[in-house]
Amino acid sequence: MTTPLPSYTHGVWDAPMLGDTIGDNFDRTVAAHADRDALVDRPSGRRWTYAELARDVDAVAVGLLTRGIGKGDRVGIWAPNCPEWTLIQYATAKIGAILVNINPAYRAHEL
């Protein structure tokens, strides 16, 4: 039996860190691929281009900020895989909040 490798690395690294945030990377991807499909929800048939996804992500981010949620705050989401999960994931990343995933399959004693 082989020992699995760790899912992270540590120590000295020759390549410089990028310094980009997930929000920065998302915005750059939106700028480069605005009209391409970004998110497809097969069960409902809904589709978002990168531009549409960015619009909705920004609206959620503004909503969070309006409610006083900001950098370093934790936002819990208890939901199955759905388009709204993706929106909140990117919105929290853009404002610097920490997304806390709560598995919807948890039982009461696990919460």
PDB file of N, CA and C in Angstrom:
ATOM      1  N   MET A   1       0.843  -1.181   0.000  1.00  0.00           N
ATOM      2  CA  MET A   1       0.000   0.000   0.000  1.00  0.00           C
ATOM      3  C   MET A   1       0.887   1.243   0.000  1.00  0.00           C
ATOM      4  N   THR A   2       0.573   2.193  -0.865  1.00  0.00           N
ATOM      5  CA  THR A   2       1.369   3.412  -0.944  1.00  0.00           C
ATOM      6  C   THR A   2       0.792   4.478  -0.018  1.00  0.00           C
ATOM      7  N   THR A   3       1.659   5.332   0.445  1.00  0.00           N
ATOM      8  CA  THR A   3       1.240   6.443   1.289  1.00  0.00           C
ATOM      9  C   THR A   3       0.813   7.597   0.394  1.00  0.00           C
ATOM     10  N   PRO A   4      -0.399   8.133   0.592  1.00  0.00           N
ATOM     11  CA  PRO A   4      -0.825   9.247  -0.258  1.00  0.00           C
ATOM     12  C   PRO A   4       0.024  10.487  -0.007  1.00  0.00           C
ATOM     13  N   LEU A   5       0.207  11.251  -1.064  1.00  0.00           N
ATOM     14  CA  LEU A   5       0.936  12.508  -0.952  1.00  0.00           C
ATOM     15  C   LEU A   5       0.042  13.555  -0.298  1.00  0.00           C
ATOM     16  N   PRO A   6       0.626  14.488   0.427  1.00  0.00           N
ATOM     17  CA  PRO A   6      -0.199  15.549   1.021  1.00  0.00           C
ATOM     18  C   PRO A   6      -0.827  16.409  -0.074  1.00  0.00           C
ATOM     19  N   SER A   7      -1.941  17.030   0.244  1.00  0.00           N
ATOM     20  CA  SER A   7      -2.643  17.864  -0.731  1.00  0.00           C
ATOM     21  C   SER A   7      -2.144  19.303  -0.725  1.00  0.00           C
ATOM     22  N   TYR A   8      -1.031  19.529  -0.101  1.00  0.00           N
ATOM     23  CA  TYR A   8      -0.456  20.863  -0.045  1.00  0.00           C
ATOM     24  C   TYR A   8       1.060  20.730  -0.099  1.00  0.00           C
ATOM     25  N   THR A   9       1.715  21.846  -0.276  1.00  0.00           N
ATOM     26  CA  THR A   9       3.170  21.855  -0.279  1.00  0.00           C
ATOM     27  C   THR A   9       3.643  22.885   0.731  1.00  0.00           C
ATOM     28  N   HIS A  10       4.864  22.745   1.147  1.00  0.00           N
ATOM     29  CA  HIS A  10       5.427  23.719   2.079  1.00  0.00           C
ATOM     30  C   HIS A  10       6.918  23.834   1.809  1.00  0.00           C
ATOM     31  N   GLY A  11       7.527  24.816   2.401  1.00  0.00           N
ATOM     32  CA  GLY A  11       8.957  25.012   2.213  1.00  0.00           C
ATOM     33  C   GLY A  11       9.252  26.127   1.230  1.00  0.00           C
ATOM     34  N   VAL A  12      10.486  26.186   0.803  1.00  0.00           N
ATOM     35  CA  VAL A  12      10.933  27.222  -0.127  1.00  0.00           C
ATOM     36  C   VAL A  12      10.410  26.905  -1.519  1.00  0.00           C
ATOM     37  N   TRP A  13       9.943  27.925  -2.195  1.00  0.00           N
ATOM     38  CA  TRP A  13       9.385  27.768  -3.536  1.00  0.00           C
ATOM     39  C   TRP A  13      10.054  28.776  -4.448  1.00  0.00           C
ATOM     40  N   ASP A  14      10.517  28.329  -5.612  1.00  0.00           N
ATOM     41  CA  ASP A  14      11.222  29.211  -6.544  1.00  0.00           C
ATOM     42  C   ASP A  14      10.294  30.185  -7.263  1.00  0.00           C
ATOM     43  N   ALA A  15       9.099  29.748  -7.574  1.00  0.00           N
ATOM     44  CA  ALA A  15       8.168  30.604  -8.310  1.00  0.00           C
ATOM     45  C   ALA A  15       7.530  31.613  -7.358  1.00  0.00           C
ATOM     46  N   PRO A  16       7.392  32.866  -7.794  1.00  0.00           N
ATOM     47  CA  PRO A  16       6.754  33.863  -6.930  1.00  0.00           C
ATOM     48  C   PRO A  16       5.251  33.604  -6.823  1.00  0.00           C
ATOM     49  N   MET A  17       4.695  33.965  -5.690  1.00  0.00           N
ATOM     50  CA  MET A  17       3.246  33.869  -5.516  1.00  0.00           C
ATOM     51  C   MET A  17       2.588  34.904  -6.424  1.00  0.00           C
ATOM     52  N   LEU A  18       1.415  34.582  -6.920  1.00  0.00           N
ATOM     53  CA  LEU A  18       0.734  35.482  -7.841  1.00  0.00           C
ATOM     54  C   LEU A  18       0.160  36.706  -7.148  1.00  0.00           C
ATOM     55  N   GLY A  19      -0.347  36.550  -5.963  1.00  0.00           N
ATOM     56  CA  GLY A  19      -0.945  37.678  -5.265  1.00  0.00           C
ATOM     57  C   GLY A  19      -2.362  37.979  -5.700  1.00  0.00           C
ATOM     58  N   ASP A  20      -2.901  37.203  -6.613  1.00  0.00           N
ATOM     59  CA  ASP A  20      -4.278  37.405  -7.063  1.00  0.00           C
ATOM     60  C   ASP A  20      -5.252  36.789  -6.073  1.00  0.00           C
ATOM     61  N   THR A  21      -6.411  37.396  -5.963  1.00  0.00           N
ATOM     62  CA  THR A  21      -7.489  36.797  -5.190  1.00  0.00           C
ATOM     63  C   THR A  21      -8.380  36.006  -6.142  1.00  0.00           C
ATOM     64  N   ILE A  22      -9.269  35.210  -5.593  1.00  0.00           N
ATOM     65  CA  ILE A  22     -10.235  34.498  -6.428  1.00  0.00           C
ATOM     66  C   ILE A  22     -11.094  35.515  -7.176  1.00  0.00           C
ATOM     67  N   GLY A  23     -11.460  36.605  -6.510  1.00  0.00           N
ATOM     68  CA  GLY A  23     -12.232  37.659  -7.168  1.00  0.00           C
ATOM     69  C   GLY A  23     -11.486  38.286  -8.329  1.00  0.00           C
ATOM     70  N   ASP A  24     -10.182  38.545  -8.157  1.00  0.00           N
ATOM     71  CA  ASP A  24      -9.361  39.088  -9.250  1.00  0.00           C
ATOM     72  C   ASP A  24      -9.352  38.135 -10.435  1.00  0.00           C
ATOM     73  N   ASN A  25      -9.153  36.857 -10.149  1.00  0.00           N
ATOM     74  CA  ASN A  25      -9.100  35.854 -11.204  1.00  0.00           C
ATOM     75  C   ASN A  25     -10.447  35.749 -11.911  1.00  0.00           C
ATOM     76  N   PHE A  26     -11.531  35.797 -11.149  1.00  0.00           N
ATOM     77  CA  PHE A  26     -12.870  35.749 -11.732  1.00  0.00           C
ATOM     78  C   PHE A  26     -13.086  36.940 -12.666  1.00  0.00           C
ATOM     79  N   ASP A  27     -12.755  38.141 -12.209  1.00  0.00           N
ATOM     80  CA  ASP A  27     -12.932  39.342 -13.036  1.00  0.00           C
ATOM     81  C   ASP A  27     -12.109  39.268 -14.318  1.00  0.00           C
ATOM     82  N   ARG A  28     -10.909  38.759 -14.233  1.00  0.00           N
ATOM     83  CA  ARG A  28     -10.054  38.619 -15.414  1.00  0.00           C
ATOM     84  C   ARG A  28     -10.665  37.609 -16.398  1.00  0.00           C
ATOM     85  N   THR A  29     -11.200  36.523 -15.875  1.00  0.00           N
ATOM     86  CA  THR A  29     -11.838  35.520 -16.727  1.00  0.00           C
ATOM     87  C   THR A  29     -13.083  36.094 -17.391  1.00  0.00           C
ATOM     88  N   VAL A  30     -13.864  36.858 -16.646  1.00  0.00           N
ATOM     89  CA  VAL A  30     -15.056  37.507 -17.202  1.00  0.00           C
ATOM     90  C   VAL A  30     -14.659  38.441 -18.345  1.00  0.00           C
ATOM     91  N   ALA A  31     -13.613  39.230 -18.147  1.00  0.00           N
ATOM     92  CA  ALA A  31     -13.169  40.169 -19.186  1.00  0.00           C
ATOM     93  C   ALA A  31     -12.732  39.442 -20.454  1.00  0.00           C
ATOM     94  N   ALA A  32     -12.125  38.292 -20.294  1.00  0.00           N
ATOM     95  CA  ALA A  32     -11.606  37.554 -21.450  1.00  0.00           C
ATOM     96  C   ALA A  32     -12.674  36.713 -22.149  1.00  0.00           C
ATOM     97  N   HIS A  33     -13.715  36.316 -21.432  1.00  0.00           N
ATOM     98  CA  HIS A  33     -14.682  35.359 -21.990  1.00  0.00           C
ATOM     99  C   HIS A  33     -16.127  35.763 -21.712  1.00  0.00           C
ATOM    100  N   ALA A  34     -16.436  37.032 -21.746  1.00  0.00           N
ATOM    101  CA  ALA A  34     -17.744  37.556 -21.322  1.00  0.00           C
ATOM    102  C   ALA A  34     -18.934  36.841 -21.952  1.00  0.00           C
ATOM    103  N   ASP A  35     -18.853  36.496 -23.225  1.00  0.00           N
ATOM    104  CA  ASP A  35     -20.000  35.924 -23.934  1.00  0.00           C
ATOM    105  C   ASP A  35     -20.036  34.400 -23.935  1.00  0.00           C
ATOM    106  N   ARG A  36     -19.058  33.769 -23.310  1.00  0.00           N
ATOM    107  CA  ARG A  36     -19.022  32.304 -23.274  1.00  0.00           C
ATOM    108  C   ARG A  36     -19.816  31.781 -22.079  1.00  0.00           C
ATOM    109  N   ASP A  37     -20.287  30.540 -22.200  1.00  0.00           N
ATOM    110  CA  ASP A  37     -20.987  29.917 -21.078  1.00  0.00           C
ATOM    111  C   ASP A  37     -20.058  29.785 -19.885  1.00  0.00           C
ATOM    112  N   ALA A  38     -20.553  30.188 -18.722  1.00  0.00           N
ATOM    113  CA  ALA A  38     -19.794  30.076 -17.480  1.00  0.00           C
ATOM    114  C   ALA A  38     -20.429  29.053 -16.552  1.00  0.00           C
ATOM    115  N   LEU A  39     -21.753  28.982 -16.554  1.00  0.00           N
ATOM    116  CA  LEU A  39     -22.466  28.112 -15.623  1.00  0.00           C
ATOM    117  C   LEU A  39     -23.711  27.583 -16.317  1.00  0.00           C
ATOM    118  N   VAL A  40     -23.898  26.280 -16.250  1.00  0.00           N
ATOM    119  CA  VAL A  40     -25.069  25.637 -16.846  1.00  0.00           C
ATOM    120  C   VAL A  40     -25.711  24.762 -15.779  1.00  0.00           C
ATOM    121  N   ASP A  41     -26.991  25.007 -15.521  1.00  0.00           N
ATOM    122  CA  ASP A  41     -27.750  24.190 -14.580  1.00  0.00           C
ATOM    123  C   ASP A  41     -28.648  23.267 -15.395  1.00  0.00           C
ATOM    124  N   ARG A  42     -28.209  22.052 -15.584  1.00  0.00           N
ATOM    125  CA  ARG A  42     -28.933  21.119 -16.442  1.00  0.00           C
ATOM    126  C   ARG A  42     -30.354  20.831 -15.969  1.00  0.00           C
ATOM    127  N   PRO A  43     -30.590  20.611 -14.668  1.00  0.00           N
ATOM    128  CA  PRO A  43     -31.967  20.297 -14.261  1.00  0.00           C
ATOM    129  C   PRO A  43     -32.988  21.378 -14.643  1.00  0.00           C
ATOM    130  N   SER A  44     -32.611  22.642 -14.518  1.00  0.00           N
ATOM    131  CA  SER A  44     -33.559  23.726 -14.817  1.00  0.00           C
ATOM    132  C   SER A  44     -33.408  24.275 -16.229  1.00  0.00           C
ATOM    133  N   GLY A  45     -32.282  23.964 -16.872  1.00  0.00           N
ATOM    134  CA  GLY A  45     -32.017  24.507 -18.196  1.00  0.00           C
ATOM    135  C   GLY A  45     -31.475  25.929 -18.174  1.00  0.00           C
ATOM    136  N   ARG A  46     -31.224  26.479 -16.978  1.00  0.00           N
ATOM    137  CA  ARG A  46     -30.692  27.844 -16.886  1.00  0.00           C
ATOM    138  C   ARG A  46     -29.222  27.866 -17.283  1.00  0.00           C
ATOM    139  N   ARG A  47     -28.835  28.958 -17.923  1.00  0.00           N
ATOM    140  CA  ARG A  47     -27.452  29.150 -18.358  1.00  0.00           C
ATOM    141  C   ARG A  47     -27.037  30.584 -18.057  1.00  0.00           C
ATOM    142  N   TRP A  48     -25.766  30.774 -17.724  1.00  0.00           N
ATOM    143  CA  TRP A  48     -25.185  32.089 -17.505  1.00  0.00           C
ATOM    144  C   TRP A  48     -23.931  32.208 -18.349  1.00  0.00           C
ATOM    145  N   THR A  49     -23.810  33.311 -19.070  1.00  0.00           N
ATOM    146  CA  THR A  49     -22.520  33.634 -19.661  1.00  0.00           C
ATOM    147  C   THR A  49     -21.658  34.192 -18.533  1.00  0.00           C
ATOM    148  N   TYR A  50     -20.375  34.382 -18.809  1.00  0.00           N
ATOM    149  CA  TYR A  50     -19.528  34.982 -17.781  1.00  0.00           C
ATOM    150  C   TYR A  50     -20.021  36.375 -17.407  1.00  0.00           C
ATOM    151  N   ALA A  51     -20.480  37.148 -18.399  1.00  0.00           N
ATOM    152  CA  ALA A  51     -20.977  38.500 -18.106  1.00  0.00           C
ATOM    153  C   ALA A  51     -22.221  38.438 -17.219  1.00  0.00           C
ATOM    154  N   GLU A  52     -23.136  37.525 -17.519  1.00  0.00           N
ATOM    155  CA  GLU A  52     -24.345  37.382 -16.702  1.00  0.00           C
ATOM    156  C   GLU A  52     -24.009  36.890 -15.295  1.00  0.00           C
ATOM    157  N   LEU A  53     -23.086  35.951 -15.213  1.00  0.00           N
ATOM    158  CA  LEU A  53     -22.681  35.443 -13.908  1.00  0.00           C
ATOM    159  C   LEU A  53     -22.043  36.556 -13.087  1.00  0.00           C
ATOM    160  N   ALA A  54     -21.186  37.357 -13.713  1.00  0.00           N
ATOM    161  CA  ALA A  54     -20.538  38.471 -13.008  1.00  0.00           C
ATOM    162  C   ALA A  54     -21.573  39.468 -12.499  1.00  0.00           C
ATOM    163  N   ARG A  55     -22.584  39.754 -13.310  1.00  0.00           N
ATOM    164  CA  ARG A  55     -23.655  40.680 -12.889  1.00  0.00           C
ATOM    165  C   ARG A  55     -24.356  40.149 -11.641  1.00  0.00           C
ATOM    166  N   ASP A  56     -24.698  38.863 -11.653  1.00  0.00           N
ATOM    167  CA  ASP A  56     -25.406  38.274 -10.516  1.00  0.00           C
ATOM    168  C   ASP A  56     -24.503  38.139  -9.293  1.00  0.00           C
ATOM    169  N   VAL A  57     -23.247  37.780  -9.506  1.00  0.00           N
ATOM    170  CA  VAL A  57     -22.287  37.695  -8.395  1.00  0.00           C
ATOM    171  C   VAL A  57     -22.122  39.066  -7.752  1.00  0.00           C
ATOM    172  N   ASP A  58     -21.974  40.098  -8.572  1.00  0.00           N
ATOM    173  CA  ASP A  58     -21.810  41.452  -8.031  1.00  0.00           C
ATOM    174  C   ASP A  58     -23.053  41.895  -7.256  1.00  0.00           C
ATOM    175  N   ALA A  59     -24.238  41.509  -7.732  1.00  0.00           N
ATOM    176  CA  ALA A  59     -25.473  41.859  -7.018  1.00  0.00           C
ATOM    177  C   ALA A  59     -25.513  41.177  -5.649  1.00  0.00           C
ATOM    178  N   VAL A  60     -25.109  39.921  -5.589  1.00  0.00           N
ATOM    179  CA  VAL A  60     -25.067  39.214  -4.304  1.00  0.00           C
ATOM    180  C   VAL A  60     -24.021  39.850  -3.395  1.00  0.00           C
ATOM    181  N   ALA A  61     -22.862  40.196  -3.956  1.00  0.00           N
ATOM    182  CA  ALA A  61     -21.801  40.829  -3.161  1.00  0.00           C
ATOM    183  C   ALA A  61     -22.284  42.150  -2.564  1.00  0.00           C
ATOM    184  N   VAL A  62     -22.976  42.955  -3.354  1.00  0.00           N
ATOM    185  CA  VAL A  62     -23.520  44.221  -2.851  1.00  0.00           C
ATOM    186  C   VAL A  62     -24.544  43.948  -1.752  1.00  0.00           C
ATOM    187  N   GLY A  63     -25.372  42.933  -1.946  1.00  0.00           N
ATOM    188  CA  GLY A  63     -26.346  42.576  -0.923  1.00  0.00           C
ATOM    189  C   GLY A  63     -25.687  42.188   0.394  1.00  0.00           C
ATOM    190  N   LEU A  64     -24.612  41.420   0.320  1.00  0.00           N
ATOM    191  CA  LEU A  64     -23.888  41.039   1.536  1.00  0.00           C
ATOM    192  C   LEU A  64     -23.289  42.265   2.216  1.00  0.00           C
ATOM    193  N   LEU A  65     -22.656  43.131   1.419  1.00  0.00           N
ATOM    194  CA  LEU A  65     -22.053  44.345   1.979  1.00  0.00           C
ATOM    195  C   LEU A  65     -23.109  45.240   2.625  1.00  0.00           C
ATOM    196  N   THR A  66     -24.269  45.350   1.983  1.00  0.00           N
ATOM    197  CA  THR A  66     -25.363  46.166   2.503  1.00  0.00           C
ATOM    198  C   THR A  66     -25.842  45.661   3.864  1.00  0.00           C
ATOM    199  N   ARG A  67     -25.731  44.364   4.057  1.00  0.00           N
ATOM    200  CA  ARG A  67     -26.150  43.763   5.329  1.00  0.00           C
ATOM    201  C   ARG A  67     -25.032  43.745   6.363  1.00  0.00           C
ATOM    202  N   GLY A  68     -23.936  44.423   6.058  1.00  0.00           N
ATOM    203  CA  GLY A  68     -22.848  44.544   7.020  1.00  0.00           C
ATOM    204  C   GLY A  68     -21.849  43.406   7.010  1.00  0.00           C
ATOM    205  N   ILE A  69     -21.937  42.537   6.015  1.00  0.00           N
ATOM    206  CA  ILE A  69     -20.981  41.432   5.905  1.00  0.00           C
ATOM    207  C   ILE A  69     -19.805  41.918   5.077  1.00  0.00           C
ATOM    208  N   GLY A  70     -18.597  41.704   5.577  1.00  0.00           N
ATOM    209  CA  GLY A  70     -17.416  42.186   4.875  1.00  0.00           C
ATOM    210  C   GLY A  70     -16.218  41.287   5.064  1.00  0.00           C
ATOM    211  N   LYS A  71     -15.058  41.850   4.795  1.00  0.00           N
ATOM    212  CA  LYS A  71     -13.806  41.106   4.839  1.00  0.00           C
ATOM    213  C   LYS A  71     -13.614  40.433   6.201  1.00  0.00           C
ATOM    214  N   GLY A  72     -13.320  39.145   6.137  1.00  0.00           N
ATOM    215  CA  GLY A  72     -13.054  38.372   7.341  1.00  0.00           C
ATOM    216  C   GLY A  72     -14.283  37.784   8.013  1.00  0.00           C
ATOM    217  N   ASP A  73     -15.475  38.268   7.640  1.00  0.00           N
ATOM    218  CA  ASP A  73     -16.702  37.698   8.210  1.00  0.00           C
ATOM    219  C   ASP A  73     -16.946  36.319   7.608  1.00  0.00           C
ATOM    220  N   ARG A  74     -17.623  35.483   8.360  1.00  0.00           N
ATOM    221  CA  ARG A  74     -17.952  34.143   7.901  1.00  0.00           C
ATOM    222  C   ARG A  74     -19.411  34.098   7.464  1.00  0.00           C
ATOM    223  N   VAL A  75     -19.628  33.462   6.322  1.00  0.00           N
ATOM    224  CA  VAL A  75     -20.976  33.306   5.778  1.00  0.00           C
ATOM    225  C   VAL A  75     -21.217  31.813   5.599  1.00  0.00           C
ATOM    226  N   GLY A  76     -22.209  31.288   6.317  1.00  0.00           N
ATOM    227  CA  GLY A  76     -22.540  29.870   6.192  1.00  0.00           C
ATOM    228  C   GLY A  76     -23.546  29.651   5.088  1.00  0.00           C
ATOM    229  N   ILE A  77     -23.357  28.574   4.352  1.00  0.00           N
ATOM    230  CA  ILE A  77     -24.334  28.189   3.334  1.00  0.00           C
ATOM    231  C   ILE A  77     -24.663  26.716   3.533  1.00  0.00           C
ATOM    232  N   TRP A  78     -25.944  26.456   3.666  1.00  0.00           N
ATOM    233  CA  TRP A  78     -26.448  25.099   3.845  1.00  0.00           C
ATOM    234  C   TRP A  78     -27.327  24.825   2.638  1.00  0.00           C
ATOM    235  N   ALA A  79     -26.741  24.246   1.613  1.00  0.00           N
ATOM    236  CA  ALA A  79     -27.461  24.049   0.363  1.00  0.00           C
ATOM    237  C   ALA A  79     -26.809  22.932  -0.436  1.00  0.00           C
ATOM    238  N   PRO A  80     -27.603  22.273  -1.267  1.00  0.00           N
ATOM    239  CA  PRO A  80     -27.015  21.298  -2.183  1.00  0.00           C
ATOM    240  C   PRO A  80     -26.317  22.036  -3.321  1.00  0.00           C
ATOM    241  N   ASN A  81     -25.696  21.293  -4.211  1.00  0.00           N
ATOM    242  CA  ASN A  81     -25.091  21.920  -5.385  1.00  0.00           C
ATOM    243  C   ASN A  81     -26.197  22.561  -6.214  1.00  0.00           C
ATOM    244  N   CYS A  82     -26.100  23.867  -6.401  1.00  0.00           N
ATOM    245  CA  CYS A  82     -27.088  24.613  -7.163  1.00  0.00           C
ATOM    246  C   CYS A  82     -26.417  25.894  -7.657  1.00  0.00           C
ATOM    247  N   PRO A  83     -27.001  26.549  -8.655  1.00  0.00           N
ATOM    248  CA  PRO A  83     -26.382  27.775  -9.170  1.00  0.00           C
ATOM    249  C   PRO A  83     -26.182  28.845  -8.102  1.00  0.00           C
ATOM    250  N   GLU A  84     -27.108  28.957  -7.182  1.00  0.00           N
ATOM    251  CA  GLU A  84     -27.000  29.975  -6.142  1.00  0.00           C
ATOM    252  C   GLU A  84     -25.774  29.756  -5.259  1.00  0.00           C
ATOM    253  N   TRP A  85     -25.380  28.517  -5.098  1.00  0.00           N
ATOM    254  CA  TRP A  85     -24.170  28.200  -4.329  1.00  0.00           C
ATOM    255  C   TRP A  85     -22.956  28.836  -5.011  1.00  0.00           C
ATOM    256  N   THR A  86     -22.909  28.727  -6.330  1.00  0.00           N
ATOM    257  CA  THR A  86     -21.804  29.324  -7.088  1.00  0.00           C
ATOM    258  C   THR A  86     -21.808  30.839  -6.937  1.00  0.00           C
ATOM    259  N   LEU A  87     -22.982  31.446  -6.975  1.00  0.00           N
ATOM    260  CA  LEU A  87     -23.075  32.901  -6.822  1.00  0.00           C
ATOM    261  C   LEU A  87     -22.525  33.344  -5.473  1.00  0.00           C
ATOM    262  N   ILE A  88     -22.932  32.669  -4.406  1.00  0.00           N
ATOM    263  CA  ILE A  88     -22.469  33.069  -3.073  1.00  0.00           C
ATOM    264  C   ILE A  88     -20.982  32.774  -2.909  1.00  0.00           C
ATOM    265  N   GLN A  89     -20.494  31.711  -3.544  1.00  0.00           N
ATOM    266  CA  GLN A  89     -19.064  31.393  -3.450  1.00  0.00           C
ATOM    267  C   GLN A  89     -18.223  32.536  -4.016  1.00  0.00           C
ATOM    268  N   TYR A  90     -18.560  32.983  -5.220  1.00  0.00           N
ATOM    269  CA  TYR A  90     -17.787  34.066  -5.827  1.00  0.00           C
ATOM    270  C   TYR A  90     -18.050  35.403  -5.132  1.00  0.00           C
ATOM    271  N   ALA A  91     -19.276  35.647  -4.700  1.00  0.00           N
ATOM    272  CA  ALA A  91     -19.587  36.917  -4.025  1.00  0.00           C
ATOM    273  C   ALA A  91     -18.798  37.056  -2.729  1.00  0.00           C
ATOM    274  N   THR A  92     -18.743  35.994  -1.931  1.00  0.00           N
ATOM    275  CA  THR A  92     -17.975  36.074  -0.687  1.00  0.00           C
ATOM    276  C   THR A  92     -16.495  36.247  -0.983  1.00  0.00           C
ATOM    277  N   ALA A  93     -16.005  35.572  -2.009  1.00  0.00           N
ATOM    278  CA  ALA A  93     -14.591  35.718  -2.369  1.00  0.00           C
ATOM    279  C   ALA A  93     -14.284  37.156  -2.775  1.00  0.00           C
ATOM    280  N   LYS A  94     -15.185  37.777  -3.521  1.00  0.00           N
ATOM    281  CA  LYS A  94     -14.940  39.144  -3.991  1.00  0.00           C
ATOM    282  C   LYS A  94     -14.906  40.164  -2.857  1.00  0.00           C
ATOM    283  N   ILE A  95     -15.694  39.939  -1.797  1.00  0.00           N
ATOM    284  CA  ILE A  95     -15.706  40.916  -0.696  1.00  0.00           C
ATOM    285  C   ILE A  95     -14.760  40.523   0.434  1.00  0.00           C
ATOM    286  N   GLY A  96     -14.106  39.380   0.283  1.00  0.00           N
ATOM    287  CA  GLY A  96     -13.143  38.951   1.303  1.00  0.00           C
ATOM    288  C   GLY A  96     -13.755  38.232   2.482  1.00  0.00           C
ATOM    289  N   ALA A  97     -15.024  37.853   2.354  1.00  0.00           N
ATOM    290  CA  ALA A  97     -15.666  37.069   3.415  1.00  0.00           C
ATOM    291  C   ALA A  97     -15.268  35.603   3.264  1.00  0.00           C
ATOM    292  N   ILE A  98     -15.456  34.847   4.316  1.00  0.00           N
ATOM    293  CA  ILE A  98     -15.077  33.438   4.338  1.00  0.00           C
ATOM    294  C   ILE A  98     -16.341  32.599   4.200  1.00  0.00           C
ATOM    295  N   LEU A  99     -16.395  31.784   3.149  1.00  0.00           N
ATOM    296  CA  LEU A  99     -17.552  30.923   2.936  1.00  0.00           C
ATOM    297  C   LEU A  99     -17.400  29.665   3.781  1.00  0.00           C
ATOM    298  N   VAL A 100     -18.406  29.377   4.580  1.00  0.00           N
ATOM    299  CA  VAL A 100     -18.421  28.181   5.423  1.00  0.00           C
ATOM    300  C   VAL A 100     -19.472  27.235   4.849  1.00  0.00           C
ATOM    301  N   ASN A 101     -19.012  26.124   4.311  1.00  0.00           N
ATOM    302  CA  ASN A 101     -19.917  25.150   3.707  1.00  0.00           C
ATOM    303  C   ASN A 101     -20.486  24.233   4.783  1.00  0.00           C
ATOM    304  N   ILE A 102     -21.800  24.131   4.825  1.00  0.00           N
ATOM    305  CA  ILE A 102     -22.472  23.234   5.756  1.00  0.00           C
ATOM    306  C   ILE A 102     -23.160  22.164   4.914  1.00  0.00           C
ATOM    307  N   ASN A 103     -22.740  20.941   5.074  1.00  0.00           N
ATOM    308  CA  ASN A 103     -23.251  19.833   4.279  1.00  0.00           C
ATOM    309  C   ASN A 103     -24.742  19.637   4.550  1.00  0.00           C
ATOM    310  N   PRO A 104     -25.607  19.714   3.513  1.00  0.00           N
ATOM    311  CA  PRO A 104     -27.038  19.552   3.742  1.00  0.00           C
ATOM    312  C   PRO A 104     -27.422  18.130   4.157  1.00  0.00           C
ATOM    313  N   ALA A 105     -26.502  17.196   4.040  1.00  0.00           N
ATOM    314  CA  ALA A 105     -26.782  15.818   4.459  1.00  0.00           C
ATOM    315  C   ALA A 105     -26.511  15.599   5.947  1.00  0.00           C
ATOM    316  N   TYR A 106     -25.958  16.615   6.632  1.00  0.00           N
ATOM    317  CA  TYR A 106     -25.701  16.477   8.067  1.00  0.00           C
ATOM    318  C   TYR A 106     -26.999  16.199   8.816  1.00  0.00           C
ATOM    319  N   ARG A 107     -26.892  15.421   9.861  1.00  0.00           N
ATOM    320  CA  ARG A 107     -28.004  15.172  10.772  1.00  0.00           C
ATOM    321  C   ARG A 107     -27.923  16.202  11.901  1.00  0.00           C
ATOM    322  N   ALA A 108     -29.001  16.352  12.644  1.00  0.00           N
ATOM    323  CA  ALA A 108     -29.066  17.365  13.704  1.00  0.00           C
ATOM    324  C   ALA A 108     -27.905  17.254  14.679  1.00  0.00           C
ATOM    325  N   HIS A 109     -27.511  16.039  15.049  1.00  0.00           N
ATOM    326  CA  HIS A 109     -26.436  15.877  16.034  1.00  0.00           C
ATOM    327  C   HIS A 109     -25.059  16.246  15.479  1.00  0.00           C
ATOM    328  N   GLU A 110     -24.946  16.413  14.152  1.00  0.00           N
ATOM    329  CA  GLU A 110     -23.666  16.774  13.545  1.00  0.00           C
ATOM    330  C   GLU A 110     -23.485  18.285  13.410  1.00  0.00           C
ATOM    331  N   LEU A 111     -24.538  19.029  13.616  1.00  0.00           N
ATOM    332  CA  LEU A 111     -24.462  20.481  13.436  1.00  0.00           C
ATOM    333  C   LEU A 111     -23.995  21.183  14.685  1.00  0.00           C
TER     334      LEU A 111
END
